[in-house]
Amino acid sequence: MREFPPNINPQLFTLSASIVGYSIVPYFDADELNSIGNWLMSVGQYLETVAVQATLINNRYKRQEDRQINFEEQKERDEFEVLQEVVYRLQKEIEQLKTIFQSK
């Protein structure tokens, strides 16, 4: 299993990015730093877009699965209620038949 980014404190992780940025500043002029920064932001936007789209799709599937589970649970409850009604009617019919046969 991949362990990058590492499981470290969020503030420390952010600080490491600041340290890397600070350490490369002396080696480039303003135009080069602007270009590198824009390129890194473009990479970040790409990564963010891919991640959010994957999250969106996963959440939609999860909601659909949850709705399917709820539908199946409701269907089972409805079937149970129908069976209860059938049992009640059969019991009533049996009682009526008993009454008829006892009176004869």
N, C-alpha and C. Protein backbone atom coordinates (compact mmCIF):
# COMPACT_ATOMS: atom_id res chain seq x y z
N MET A 1 0.84 -1.17 0.00
CA MET A 1 0.00 0.00 0.00
C MET A 1 0.89 1.24 0.00
N ARG A 2 0.50 2.22 -0.78
CA ARG A 2 1.26 3.46 -0.85
C ARG A 2 1.07 4.28 0.42
N GLU A 3 2.14 4.91 0.85
CA GLU A 3 2.08 5.75 2.04
C GLU A 3 2.54 7.17 1.71
N PHE A 4 2.13 7.69 0.56
CA PHE A 4 2.43 9.08 0.25
C PHE A 4 1.15 9.76 -0.16
N PRO A 5 0.87 10.87 0.36
CA PRO A 5 1.64 11.60 1.35
C PRO A 5 1.66 10.86 2.68
N PRO A 6 2.71 11.05 3.44
CA PRO A 6 2.83 10.33 4.71
C PRO A 6 1.79 10.79 5.73
N ASN A 7 1.55 9.95 6.69
CA ASN A 7 0.60 10.28 7.77
C ASN A 7 1.32 11.12 8.81
N ILE A 8 1.47 12.40 8.51
CA ILE A 8 2.11 13.31 9.47
C ILE A 8 1.14 14.44 9.80
N ASN A 9 1.47 15.15 10.84
CA ASN A 9 0.68 16.28 11.30
C ASN A 9 0.44 17.25 10.13
N PRO A 10 -0.81 17.72 9.92
CA PRO A 10 -1.10 18.62 8.80
C PRO A 10 -0.28 19.91 8.82
N GLN A 11 -0.06 20.46 10.00
CA GLN A 11 0.74 21.69 10.08
C GLN A 11 2.18 21.42 9.66
N LEU A 12 2.72 20.29 10.08
CA LEU A 12 4.09 19.93 9.70
C LEU A 12 4.18 19.68 8.19
N PHE A 13 3.17 19.06 7.65
CA PHE A 13 3.14 18.79 6.21
C PHE A 13 3.14 20.11 5.43
N THR A 14 2.31 21.06 5.87
CA THR A 14 2.26 22.38 5.25
C THR A 14 3.58 23.12 5.42
N LEU A 15 4.17 23.01 6.60
CA LEU A 15 5.46 23.65 6.87
C LEU A 15 6.53 23.10 5.93
N SER A 16 6.50 21.81 5.65
CA SER A 16 7.51 21.23 4.75
C SER A 16 7.41 21.85 3.35
N ALA A 17 6.17 22.13 2.88
CA ALA A 17 6.01 22.79 1.58
C ALA A 17 6.59 24.20 1.62
N SER A 18 6.38 24.89 2.74
CA SER A 18 6.94 26.25 2.88
C SER A 18 8.47 26.20 2.87
N ILE A 19 9.04 25.22 3.54
CA ILE A 19 10.50 25.10 3.59
C ILE A 19 11.06 24.82 2.20
N VAL A 20 10.41 23.93 1.45
CA VAL A 20 10.87 23.64 0.08
C VAL A 20 10.78 24.91 -0.77
N GLY A 21 9.66 25.62 -0.70
CA GLY A 21 9.51 26.86 -1.45
C GLY A 21 10.56 27.88 -1.07
N TYR A 22 10.76 28.06 0.21
CA TYR A 22 11.75 29.03 0.69
C TYR A 22 13.16 28.66 0.24
N SER A 23 13.46 27.36 0.21
CA SER A 23 14.82 26.94 -0.12
C SER A 23 15.15 27.10 -1.61
N ILE A 24 14.14 27.12 -2.50
CA ILE A 24 14.46 27.27 -3.93
C ILE A 24 14.42 28.72 -4.40
N VAL A 25 13.88 29.63 -3.62
CA VAL A 25 13.76 31.04 -4.01
C VAL A 25 15.10 31.65 -4.45
N PRO A 26 16.21 31.43 -3.73
CA PRO A 26 17.45 32.10 -4.11
C PRO A 26 18.01 31.68 -5.48
N TYR A 27 17.55 30.57 -6.01
CA TYR A 27 18.13 30.04 -7.24
C TYR A 27 17.42 30.50 -8.51
N PHE A 28 16.31 31.20 -8.39
CA PHE A 28 15.54 31.62 -9.57
C PHE A 28 15.18 33.10 -9.46
N ASP A 29 15.00 33.73 -10.64
CA ASP A 29 14.55 35.13 -10.61
C ASP A 29 13.01 35.14 -10.53
N ALA A 30 12.42 36.34 -10.46
CA ALA A 30 10.97 36.48 -10.26
C ALA A 30 10.16 35.83 -11.37
N ASP A 31 10.58 36.00 -12.62
CA ASP A 31 9.84 35.39 -13.74
C ASP A 31 9.89 33.87 -13.67
N GLU A 32 11.05 33.33 -13.35
CA GLU A 32 11.18 31.87 -13.25
C GLU A 32 10.35 31.33 -12.08
N LEU A 33 10.39 32.04 -10.95
CA LEU A 33 9.59 31.62 -9.80
C LEU A 33 8.10 31.67 -10.14
N ASN A 34 7.67 32.69 -10.85
CA ASN A 34 6.28 32.81 -11.26
C ASN A 34 5.88 31.65 -12.16
N SER A 35 6.75 31.32 -13.10
CA SER A 35 6.47 30.22 -14.02
C SER A 35 6.40 28.88 -13.28
N ILE A 36 7.38 28.65 -12.41
CA ILE A 36 7.39 27.39 -11.63
C ILE A 36 6.15 27.33 -10.73
N GLY A 37 5.83 28.44 -10.07
CA GLY A 37 4.65 28.47 -9.19
C GLY A 37 3.37 28.19 -9.95
N ASN A 38 3.23 28.80 -11.12
CA ASN A 38 2.03 28.56 -11.93
C ASN A 38 1.95 27.11 -12.39
N TRP A 39 3.11 26.56 -12.73
CA TRP A 39 3.13 25.16 -13.17
C TRP A 39 2.71 24.25 -12.01
N LEU A 40 3.25 24.49 -10.81
CA LEU A 40 2.89 23.68 -9.65
C LEU A 40 1.40 23.84 -9.31
N MET A 41 0.88 25.05 -9.43
CA MET A 41 -0.55 25.26 -9.18
C MET A 41 -1.39 24.51 -10.22
N SER A 42 -0.93 24.46 -11.45
CA SER A 42 -1.64 23.72 -12.49
C SER A 42 -1.68 22.22 -12.17
N VAL A 43 -0.54 21.70 -11.72
CA VAL A 43 -0.49 20.29 -11.30
C VAL A 43 -1.46 20.07 -10.14
N GLY A 44 -1.46 20.99 -9.17
CA GLY A 44 -2.36 20.88 -8.03
C GLY A 44 -3.82 20.91 -8.44
N GLN A 45 -4.17 21.80 -9.38
CA GLN A 45 -5.55 21.88 -9.86
C GLN A 45 -5.96 20.58 -10.55
N TYR A 46 -5.04 20.01 -11.32
CA TYR A 46 -5.33 18.74 -11.99
C TYR A 46 -5.61 17.65 -10.95
N LEU A 47 -4.71 17.55 -9.96
CA LEU A 47 -4.88 16.53 -8.92
C LEU A 47 -6.19 16.74 -8.16
N GLU A 48 -6.50 17.98 -7.84
CA GLU A 48 -7.72 18.30 -7.12
C GLU A 48 -8.96 17.93 -7.93
N THR A 49 -8.92 18.22 -9.23
CA THR A 49 -10.07 17.92 -10.10
C THR A 49 -10.30 16.41 -10.20
N VAL A 50 -9.23 15.65 -10.37
CA VAL A 50 -9.35 14.20 -10.44
C VAL A 50 -9.91 13.64 -9.13
N ALA A 51 -9.38 14.13 -8.01
CA ALA A 51 -9.82 13.62 -6.70
C ALA A 51 -11.28 13.95 -6.43
N VAL A 52 -11.69 15.18 -6.73
CA VAL A 52 -13.07 15.56 -6.44
C VAL A 52 -14.05 14.82 -7.36
N GLN A 53 -13.66 14.56 -8.59
CA GLN A 53 -14.54 13.81 -9.50
C GLN A 53 -14.69 12.37 -9.02
N ALA A 54 -13.59 11.78 -8.57
CA ALA A 54 -13.65 10.41 -8.04
C ALA A 54 -14.54 10.36 -6.80
N THR A 55 -14.42 11.36 -5.93
CA THR A 55 -15.25 11.43 -4.73
C THR A 55 -16.72 11.59 -5.10
N LEU A 56 -17.01 12.44 -6.07
CA LEU A 56 -18.38 12.65 -6.53
C LEU A 56 -18.99 11.34 -7.01
N ILE A 57 -18.27 10.63 -7.86
CA ILE A 57 -18.78 9.37 -8.41
C ILE A 57 -18.98 8.34 -7.31
N ASN A 58 -18.00 8.22 -6.40
CA ASN A 58 -18.14 7.26 -5.29
C ASN A 58 -19.33 7.59 -4.41
N ASN A 59 -19.54 8.88 -4.12
CA ASN A 59 -20.68 9.26 -3.29
C ASN A 59 -22.00 8.98 -3.99
N ARG A 60 -22.05 9.18 -5.29
CA ARG A 60 -23.29 8.87 -6.02
C ARG A 60 -23.60 7.38 -5.96
N TYR A 61 -22.58 6.53 -6.15
CA TYR A 61 -22.80 5.09 -6.05
C TYR A 61 -23.25 4.71 -4.64
N LYS A 62 -22.63 5.32 -3.63
CA LYS A 62 -23.00 5.02 -2.25
C LYS A 62 -24.44 5.41 -1.97
N ARG A 63 -24.84 6.61 -2.43
CA ARG A 63 -26.23 7.04 -2.22
C ARG A 63 -27.19 6.10 -2.93
N GLN A 64 -26.82 5.67 -4.14
CA GLN A 64 -27.69 4.76 -4.89
C GLN A 64 -27.80 3.42 -4.16
N GLU A 65 -26.68 2.92 -3.63
CA GLU A 65 -26.72 1.67 -2.88
C GLU A 65 -27.58 1.82 -1.63
N ASP A 66 -27.45 2.97 -0.94
CA ASP A 66 -28.26 3.21 0.25
C ASP A 66 -29.74 3.25 -0.09
N ARG A 67 -30.07 3.91 -1.22
CA ARG A 67 -31.49 3.95 -1.64
C ARG A 67 -31.97 2.55 -1.97
N GLN A 68 -31.12 1.74 -2.61
CA GLN A 68 -31.51 0.37 -2.97
C GLN A 68 -31.77 -0.44 -1.70
N ILE A 69 -30.89 -0.29 -0.69
CA ILE A 69 -31.07 -1.00 0.57
C ILE A 69 -32.37 -0.57 1.23
N ASN A 70 -32.64 0.74 1.27
CA ASN A 70 -33.88 1.24 1.87
C ASN A 70 -35.10 0.70 1.12
N PHE A 71 -35.02 0.65 -0.23
CA PHE A 71 -36.12 0.13 -1.02
C PHE A 71 -36.36 -1.34 -0.69
N GLU A 72 -35.29 -2.12 -0.59
CA GLU A 72 -35.43 -3.54 -0.28
C GLU A 72 -35.99 -3.75 1.13
N GLU A 73 -35.54 -2.93 2.09
CA GLU A 73 -36.08 -3.03 3.45
C GLU A 73 -37.57 -2.71 3.45
N GLN A 74 -37.97 -1.66 2.73
CA GLN A 74 -39.39 -1.30 2.67
C GLN A 74 -40.19 -2.41 2.00
N LYS A 75 -39.63 -2.99 0.95
CA LYS A 75 -40.31 -4.08 0.25
C LYS A 75 -40.52 -5.26 1.19
N GLU A 76 -39.50 -5.59 1.99
CA GLU A 76 -39.63 -6.68 2.95
C GLU A 76 -40.69 -6.36 4.00
N ARG A 77 -40.72 -5.11 4.48
CA ARG A 77 -41.75 -4.71 5.46
C ARG A 77 -43.14 -4.83 4.85
N ASP A 78 -43.28 -4.39 3.59
CA ASP A 78 -44.58 -4.47 2.92
C ASP A 78 -45.01 -5.92 2.77
N GLU A 79 -44.07 -6.79 2.38
CA GLU A 79 -44.39 -8.21 2.22
C GLU A 79 -44.79 -8.81 3.56
N PHE A 80 -44.10 -8.43 4.62
CA PHE A 80 -44.42 -8.93 5.96
C PHE A 80 -45.82 -8.50 6.37
N GLU A 81 -46.16 -7.24 6.10
CA GLU A 81 -47.49 -6.74 6.45
C GLU A 81 -48.57 -7.48 5.67
N VAL A 82 -48.30 -7.78 4.40
CA VAL A 82 -49.27 -8.54 3.59
C VAL A 82 -49.44 -9.93 4.17
N LEU A 83 -48.32 -10.57 4.55
CA LEU A 83 -48.41 -11.90 5.15
C LEU A 83 -49.17 -11.87 6.48
N GLN A 84 -48.94 -10.82 7.27
CA GLN A 84 -49.70 -10.69 8.51
C GLN A 84 -51.20 -10.60 8.24
N GLU A 85 -51.55 -9.84 7.24
CA GLU A 85 -52.96 -9.68 6.88
C GLU A 85 -53.55 -11.02 6.41
N VAL A 86 -52.78 -11.77 5.63
CA VAL A 86 -53.25 -13.08 5.15
C VAL A 86 -53.46 -14.02 6.34
N VAL A 87 -52.50 -14.02 7.27
CA VAL A 87 -52.63 -14.87 8.46
C VAL A 87 -53.87 -14.47 9.26
N TYR A 88 -54.08 -13.18 9.44
CA TYR A 88 -55.25 -12.69 10.17
C TYR A 88 -56.54 -13.17 9.51
N ARG A 89 -56.60 -13.03 8.20
CA ARG A 89 -57.82 -13.44 7.48
C ARG A 89 -58.04 -14.95 7.56
N LEU A 90 -56.95 -15.70 7.48
CA LEU A 90 -57.07 -17.16 7.60
C LEU A 90 -57.56 -17.56 8.99
N GLN A 91 -57.03 -16.89 10.00
CA GLN A 91 -57.48 -17.18 11.37
C GLN A 91 -58.97 -16.87 11.52
N LYS A 92 -59.37 -15.76 10.94
CA LYS A 92 -60.79 -15.38 10.99
C LYS A 92 -61.65 -16.42 10.29
N GLU A 93 -61.19 -16.86 9.14
CA GLU A 93 -61.94 -17.89 8.38
C GLU A 93 -62.02 -19.20 9.15
N ILE A 94 -60.91 -19.57 9.79
CA ILE A 94 -60.90 -20.80 10.59
C ILE A 94 -61.91 -20.69 11.74
N GLU A 95 -61.95 -19.54 12.38
CA GLU A 95 -62.91 -19.33 13.47
C GLU A 95 -64.35 -19.44 12.97
N GLN A 96 -64.59 -18.89 11.80
CA GLN A 96 -65.95 -18.98 11.22
C GLN A 96 -66.30 -20.43 10.90
N LEU A 97 -65.33 -21.16 10.34
CA LEU A 97 -65.59 -22.58 10.04
C LEU A 97 -65.83 -23.38 11.31
N LYS A 98 -65.07 -23.10 12.35
CA LYS A 98 -65.27 -23.78 13.63
C LYS A 98 -66.68 -23.52 14.15
N THR A 99 -67.10 -22.30 14.04
CA THR A 99 -68.43 -21.94 14.51
C THR A 99 -69.50 -22.67 13.70
N ILE A 100 -69.31 -22.75 12.41
CA ILE A 100 -70.28 -23.46 11.56
C ILE A 100 -70.32 -24.93 11.91
N PHE A 101 -69.16 -25.57 12.06
CA PHE A 101 -69.13 -27.00 12.34
C PHE A 101 -69.61 -27.31 13.76
N GLN A 102 -69.40 -26.45 14.67
CA GLN A 102 -69.83 -26.66 16.05
C GLN A 102 -71.35 -26.53 16.16
N SER A 103 -71.94 -25.70 15.34
CA SER A 103 -73.39 -25.53 15.40
C SER A 103 -74.14 -26.70 14.75
N LYS A 104 -73.48 -27.53 14.01
CA LYS A 104 -74.15 -28.65 13.34
C LYS A 104 -74.21 -29.86 14.20
